[in-house]
Amino acid sequence: MTFSILAAAQSVAAKTVAEAPTRNPLADIRAWWDSSVAWVNSHWLQIGIAIAAGLAIYFLLSMIRGFALKRAQATPGEFTLTHIVGRVIHKTKSFVLAIVAVRMVAGYAQPPAVIMQIIQLVFTVAVVLQVAIWAREVILGLIQRRASDGHNETLANAMGIIRLLISVALFAIATIVILDNMGVNVTGLVAGLGIGGIAIGLAAQGIFSDLFASLSIIFDRPFRVGETIKYDTSTATV
């Protein structure tokens, strides 16, 4: 009885697989190509207008970036707020300006859904990564400004590890945002990063404790070089 039921199930499964249509990648590419050609033939005027408008928007954004960068660089002083703004503008990639221009005019040309999805995906990735770069430059610029105000050589020497920590944190967040916009369930990834962070923190608890204590002293500056400090029964000069 059990054998007959198993044989019948195998027969039905084999028949289902045999009757299932086989997917031909070449046919899919051919269909996509035909639909793209049909779109170009039927919307050639809108495509031309969109390309012209996109180029105009790109050159306008490039001119604004260049003008703002020159104004920021012409301002005297280092690590001022204007200098930080100039660093942010300098880190603005031309590719990001181009994809922003393409995204702004893409809807007018009414492209096929596949092309629009590709444009949206590239736009999301480029903008999120660019925002992460901007945030990194702003944070590092403010930290360096803090170091220059008090001529803090210790903070200036610690900029390497600070840059690494900030870059890892920001680009990890950017990666999660990109995956979330792509439809990937990032709940497990966020939970895994949290558990991994806790494990690393416990394993290197002493190192991170000393590191953040040092950074706290550097930023808060509770004492300066030349001051006399008394702690418990110990007295010393910084």
Protein backbone atom coordinates (compact mmCIF):
# COMPACT_ATOMS: atom_id res chain seq x y z
CA MET A 1 0.00 0.00 0.00
CA THR A 2 2.76 2.44 0.99
CA PHE A 3 4.81 1.47 -2.06
CA SER A 4 1.89 2.11 -4.42
CA ILE A 5 1.21 5.55 -2.93
CA LEU A 6 4.92 6.47 -3.22
CA ALA A 7 5.02 5.27 -6.84
CA ALA A 8 1.91 7.28 -7.69
CA ALA A 9 3.41 10.42 -6.11
CA GLN A 10 6.64 9.96 -8.07
CA SER A 11 4.66 9.50 -11.27
CA VAL A 12 2.67 12.69 -10.71
CA ALA A 13 5.85 14.64 -9.88
CA ALA A 14 7.61 13.34 -13.00
CA LYS A 15 4.60 14.23 -15.16
CA THR A 16 4.48 17.74 -13.66
CA VAL A 17 8.17 18.31 -14.36
CA ALA A 18 7.81 16.98 -17.87
CA GLU A 19 4.81 19.22 -18.58
CA ALA A 20 6.45 22.35 -17.05
CA PRO A 21 7.64 24.70 -19.77
CA THR A 22 11.41 25.09 -19.94
CA ARG A 23 12.62 28.67 -19.62
CA ASN A 24 14.83 29.80 -22.47
CA PRO A 25 17.17 32.69 -21.50
CA LEU A 26 17.80 33.55 -25.14
CA ALA A 27 14.09 33.91 -25.72
CA ASP A 28 13.82 36.26 -22.74
CA ILE A 29 16.69 38.39 -24.03
CA ARG A 30 15.10 38.44 -27.48
CA ALA A 31 11.75 39.52 -26.04
CA TRP A 32 13.43 42.26 -24.00
CA TRP A 33 15.31 43.48 -27.07
CA ASP A 34 12.15 43.53 -29.18
CA SER A 35 10.24 45.49 -26.54
CA SER A 36 13.14 47.97 -26.24
CA VAL A 37 13.25 48.49 -30.01
CA ALA A 38 9.48 48.98 -30.07
CA TRP A 39 9.78 51.53 -27.24
CA VAL A 40 12.49 53.48 -29.09
CA ASN A 41 10.48 53.46 -32.33
CA SER A 42 7.31 54.70 -30.65
CA HIS A 43 8.85 57.20 -28.21
CA TRP A 44 11.86 58.53 -30.13
CA LEU A 45 10.79 62.16 -29.70
CA GLN A 46 10.27 61.85 -25.95
CA ILE A 47 13.60 60.02 -25.64
CA GLY A 48 15.41 62.79 -27.52
CA ILE A 49 13.83 65.50 -25.36
CA ALA A 50 14.65 63.52 -22.21
CA ILE A 51 18.30 63.13 -23.26
CA ALA A 52 18.62 66.86 -24.00
CA ALA A 53 16.98 67.77 -20.69
CA GLY A 54 19.16 65.26 -18.82
CA LEU A 55 22.34 66.72 -20.31
CA ALA A 56 21.20 70.24 -19.43
CA ILE A 57 20.45 69.19 -15.84
CA TYR A 58 23.82 67.41 -15.55
CA PHE A 59 25.80 70.42 -16.78
CA LEU A 60 23.78 72.73 -14.51
CA LEU A 61 24.51 70.57 -11.47
CA SER A 62 28.19 70.39 -12.46
CA MET A 63 28.36 74.18 -12.75
CA ILE A 64 26.73 74.60 -9.34
CA ARG A 65 29.20 72.11 -7.83
CA GLY A 66 32.18 73.88 -9.41
CA PHE A 67 30.98 77.33 -8.34
CA ALA A 68 30.32 76.22 -4.76
CA LEU A 69 33.70 74.47 -4.59
CA LYS A 70 35.55 77.58 -5.76
CA ARG A 71 33.76 79.75 -3.21
CA ALA A 72 34.57 77.29 -0.44
CA GLN A 73 38.23 77.02 -1.42
CA ALA A 74 38.59 80.81 -1.68
CA THR A 75 37.57 81.26 1.96
CA PRO A 76 40.65 81.70 4.21
CA GLY A 77 41.28 79.37 7.10
CA GLU A 78 41.54 75.61 7.48
CA PHE A 79 38.96 73.33 9.09
CA THR A 80 36.36 76.09 9.13
CA LEU A 81 32.73 75.28 8.40
CA THR A 82 33.17 76.63 4.87
CA HIS A 83 36.21 74.39 4.43
CA ILE A 84 34.16 71.38 5.54
CA VAL A 85 31.43 72.29 3.05
CA GLY A 86 34.09 72.48 0.35
CA ARG A 87 35.31 68.99 1.25
CA VAL A 88 31.77 67.66 1.01
CA ILE A 89 31.26 69.28 -2.40
CA HIS A 90 34.62 67.98 -3.60
CA LYS A 91 33.56 64.42 -2.71
CA THR A 92 30.40 64.71 -4.83
CA LYS A 93 30.91 62.27 -7.71
CA SER A 94 30.10 63.16 -11.31
CA PHE A 95 28.41 59.78 -11.73
CA VAL A 96 25.93 60.69 -8.97
CA LEU A 97 25.08 63.94 -10.76
CA ALA A 98 24.57 61.98 -13.98
CA ILE A 99 22.28 59.35 -12.45
CA VAL A 100 20.28 62.09 -10.69
CA ALA A 101 19.77 63.80 -14.05
CA VAL A 102 18.77 60.48 -15.65
CA ARG A 103 16.30 59.73 -12.86
CA MET A 104 14.72 63.17 -13.15
CA VAL A 105 13.95 62.80 -16.89
CA ALA A 106 13.39 59.04 -17.10
CA GLY A 107 9.67 59.24 -16.43
CA TYR A 108 9.09 61.58 -19.38
CA ALA A 109 10.50 59.05 -21.86
CA GLN A 110 8.16 56.32 -20.49
CA PRO A 111 10.75 53.49 -20.60
CA PRO A 112 9.79 49.83 -20.16
CA ALA A 113 9.38 48.60 -16.61
CA VAL A 114 12.68 46.67 -16.68
CA ILE A 115 14.71 49.72 -17.73
CA MET A 116 12.95 51.90 -15.16
CA GLN A 117 13.72 49.36 -12.42
CA ILE A 118 17.40 49.32 -13.42
CA ILE A 119 17.54 53.14 -13.36
CA GLN A 120 15.84 53.20 -9.95
CA LEU A 121 18.24 50.58 -8.57
CA VAL A 122 21.36 52.39 -9.80
CA PHE A 123 19.95 55.69 -8.54
CA THR A 124 19.29 54.25 -5.07
CA VAL A 125 22.75 52.67 -4.77
CA ALA A 126 24.56 55.79 -6.00
CA VAL A 127 22.64 58.23 -3.80
CA VAL A 128 22.90 56.12 -0.62
CA LEU A 129 26.66 55.65 -1.06
CA GLN A 130 27.07 59.36 -1.82
CA VAL A 131 25.16 60.31 1.33
CA ALA A 132 27.43 57.98 3.33
CA ILE A 133 30.51 59.71 1.85
CA TRP A 134 29.04 63.14 2.65
CA ALA A 135 28.28 62.10 6.22
CA ARG A 136 31.82 60.75 6.66
CA GLU A 137 33.39 63.98 5.42
CA VAL A 138 31.17 66.12 7.65
CA ILE A 139 31.92 64.05 10.77
CA LEU A 140 35.66 63.89 10.08
CA GLY A 141 35.74 67.59 9.27
CA LEU A 142 34.07 68.50 12.56
CA ILE A 143 36.46 66.22 14.47
CA GLN A 144 39.49 67.76 12.78
CA ARG A 145 38.07 71.21 13.50
CA ARG A 146 37.82 70.21 17.15
CA ALA A 147 41.44 69.05 17.08
CA SER A 148 42.69 72.23 15.43
CA ASP A 149 40.93 74.50 17.93
CA GLY A 150 43.00 73.19 20.82
CA HIS A 151 46.06 72.16 18.80
CA ASN A 152 45.40 68.63 19.99
CA GLU A 153 48.16 66.50 18.50
CA THR A 154 46.79 63.35 20.15
CA LEU A 155 43.46 63.71 18.38
CA ALA A 156 45.23 64.46 15.10
CA ASN A 157 47.28 61.27 15.49
CA ALA A 158 44.14 59.26 16.29
CA MET A 159 42.39 60.32 13.07
CA GLY A 160 43.36 57.06 11.35
CA ILE A 161 41.42 54.80 13.72
CA ILE A 162 38.57 57.34 13.91
CA ARG A 163 38.27 57.43 10.11
CA LEU A 164 38.21 53.61 10.01
CA LEU A 165 35.50 53.32 12.67
CA ILE A 166 33.31 55.99 11.07
CA SER A 167 33.73 54.53 7.56
CA VAL A 168 32.84 51.00 8.68
CA ALA A 169 29.75 52.21 10.58
CA LEU A 170 28.43 54.47 7.81
CA PHE A 171 28.97 52.05 4.94
CA ALA A 172 27.45 49.20 6.96
CA ILE A 173 24.32 51.32 7.40
CA ALA A 174 24.40 52.24 3.69
CA THR A 175 24.62 48.56 2.71
CA ILE A 176 21.60 47.71 4.87
CA VAL A 177 19.60 50.60 3.36
CA ILE A 178 20.48 49.49 -0.19
CA LEU A 179 19.52 45.87 0.48
CA ASP A 180 16.27 46.99 2.08
CA ASN A 181 15.38 49.08 -0.99
CA MET A 182 16.16 46.09 -3.20
CA GLY A 183 13.50 44.08 -1.36
CA VAL A 184 15.89 41.96 0.69
CA ASN A 185 14.72 41.10 4.19
CA VAL A 186 17.43 42.71 6.31
CA THR A 187 15.95 41.73 9.67
CA GLY A 188 18.20 38.69 9.95
CA LEU A 189 21.21 40.69 8.75
CA VAL A 190 20.65 43.42 11.33
CA ALA A 191 20.17 40.82 14.05
CA GLY A 192 23.33 39.01 12.93
CA LEU A 193 25.35 42.23 12.93
CA GLY A 194 24.04 43.04 16.39
CA ILE A 195 24.95 39.62 17.76
CA GLY A 196 28.33 39.76 16.01
CA GLY A 197 28.98 43.20 17.44
CA ILE A 198 28.15 42.01 20.93
CA ALA A 199 30.44 39.00 20.52
CA ILE A 200 33.32 41.14 19.25
CA GLY A 201 32.71 43.67 22.01
CA LEU A 202 32.85 40.99 24.70
CA ALA A 203 35.93 39.36 23.18
CA ALA A 204 37.81 42.67 22.92
CA GLN A 205 36.23 44.38 25.90
CA GLY A 206 39.52 45.60 27.33
CA ILE A 207 40.73 47.03 24.02
CA PHE A 208 37.49 48.87 23.27
CA SER A 209 37.26 50.12 26.85
CA ASP A 210 40.71 51.68 26.62
CA LEU A 211 39.98 53.04 23.11
CA PHE A 212 36.73 54.81 24.01
CA ALA A 213 38.18 56.03 27.30
CA SER A 214 41.05 57.58 25.36
CA LEU A 215 38.68 59.16 22.83
CA SER A 216 36.56 60.51 25.69
CA ILE A 217 39.61 62.15 27.25
CA ILE A 218 40.66 63.55 23.87
CA PHE A 219 37.26 65.08 23.10
CA ASP A 220 36.25 66.21 26.59
CA ARG A 221 39.74 67.48 27.47
CA PRO A 222 39.28 67.38 31.26
CA PHE A 223 42.93 68.38 31.65
CA ARG A 224 45.67 69.91 29.53
CA VAL A 225 49.41 69.51 29.15
CA GLY A 226 51.22 71.09 32.09
CA GLU A 227 48.40 70.68 34.58
CA THR A 228 48.94 68.86 37.85
CA ILE A 229 46.52 66.00 38.55
CA LYS A 230 45.95 64.29 41.83
CA TYR A 231 44.19 60.91 41.88
CA ASP A 232 43.85 59.04 45.16
CA THR A 233 47.37 59.05 46.59
CA SER A 234 49.12 59.78 43.27
CA THR A 235 50.07 63.23 42.02
CA ALA A 236 51.52 63.86 38.56
CA THR A 237 51.92 66.52 35.91
CA VAL A 238 50.47 65.92 32.45
